[in-house]
Amino acid sequence: MCGRYAQTRADDALERDLRVDRILGEPRAPSWNVAPTQDVPVVLERREDDGIRRQLRSAHWGLVPSWARDISIGSRMINARSETLLEKPAFRKAAAQRRALVPMDGYYEWQPNERGPKTPFYLHADQPLAAAGLYELWRDHSKDADDPTRWLWSVTIITRPAADSLGHIHDRCPILLPADRWDDWLSPAITAPDEVGALIAHVPEPRLVPREVGRAVGNVANDGPELITPAG
C-alpha cells in the first residue's frame, strides 16, 4: 500500500514541473508526513470554456464514490489495486474518466521484522515523483446548491505488486508515472477499459533508493524535514 508520503514542492514548482495550466484553491503547504484523509495536491485535466486545461487543485486523500452516503468510506479507499481497478464499482468509472497525478517527493513503507516493531523506510529518486491516481466528486446534499463547498473532491493512489528490488520492504508500491506517460494518463480522450488497462500494465519499474528513517514518521502529528533524514 501507499499510506504516507512527503510532498514539499510549492505550487509554482508543481505548476512548472507538471506543466499545469491553472492553479485552483489556496496555496498548499509543504508536508514531510502526508497522511490519509488530509487534503493533498493533485493534477488533473478538465474541460473548461476555452478547452481542456491541466489543473492543480486539492483533494481529500481517500476516494469517496459519488454514490456514498457520507465521506467516511474514503478512509478505506486511500489506495486502489491495479489488478481490480477496472472491475470494482468504486473505481471503474473514475479509471475511465477521472485520472490524476499525485505529486510526491518520496513515500514511506514499513518493513516487517521477525521481532520488534516494523522499520520505516523512505523511498525516493533523483527527481520528484508523480503517482497514478483517480479522483472523484461527491455531492453533499445537506448543503445548499449555491454553497461552493457542496462538492468534495477526493483521490486515491493506485498500487501494484512491488518489484523484486523493493519487495523485501513491502509487497506493494504506488504506480509511479514517468513524465512521458503523463499526457496519456490524464487525457480525457482515453476512456476504453482496455486502453486504460494498457496504460497501467506498461509502466516501467522506477529506480528508487530506500533509506531507513526514524520511527517519528509513524505519528501523523510529526512533520518536518528531519523525518526523511537517515536513521541513526
Foldseek 3Di string as FASTA:
>chain_A
DFFWAWDADWPVVCCVVQVFDEEDDDTDHTWGTDGAQDWAWKWAWDQDPVGIGIYIDIAHQFADAQPDPDCPNRVVFNEDELVCQCPDPRHNQQLQAFKIKGKGQWGKFWADDPDDGTFIKTKHDPGTWIFIKGKHWYAQVVDDPPDPPRIHIYMHFYKYAADPVCVNRPGMDTQTADSVLVCVSRDRVGRDPVSSSVSRVPGDHDDIDIATFDPPSVDSVDTDPNRNDHDD
